[in-house]
């Protein structure tokens, strides 16, 4: 299994339920697409859970725009104001740690700073937001990995399927054939979505600890 999990946004109950339902083995690859923090109720708990997963599984975590915004919030006042604005939901993140940047453990900062920009498999490109179609995946402007919108995603020159999050799709993921978006608004009463790129199985879980399953082919 090669399991790809979409935007979590502090939704610990959804993440815990996903891992219980799918139950990836230690031999399975688990890739998270970024946006672990902000907007949801327990960003700290989400990163704690992913750090535990890293100890036991083949685990890769990618950088989302909300992680890069949190990191940049330490660098300039303007970035800090943006992070703490209602637009980003950064105050929700700090509240989960106790209220301030200084209460975020160094282990959590290191988790965010060490996030990869993308992960390339034999037939898939895994990335938070998307990639420019005409450029090799390793030659993109870094902001593209964080911020490109799914409606701009075209068939990549490599021929590989792009799997991303970042752009909310509503109740179900979107499958364009050459690209899949897994952001189904876990924090806003929606679902956390995950895809096994080998089998095409999709799982969804939510903060009520409900779960459901479907096939990628059902979404074409």
Foldseek 3Di string as FASTA:
>chain_A
DAKEWEAQAQLLLQVVLVCVVVVDAQAYEYEYAENLHFLAQASPNSLVVVVVVVVRHNYAYAYALLLVLVVCLVPDVVSVVVCVDPVNRNQSRCVNQPGDPVSDDPVSNVVNVPHHQWDDDPAEIEAAAAADQEDDPVPGDSVNRHDHHPVNHDQHPVNHAYEYEDHADAQQWADPPRYIYQHPCQSPQHWIWMADVVFQKMKTAHSVSDIDIDGNVVRD
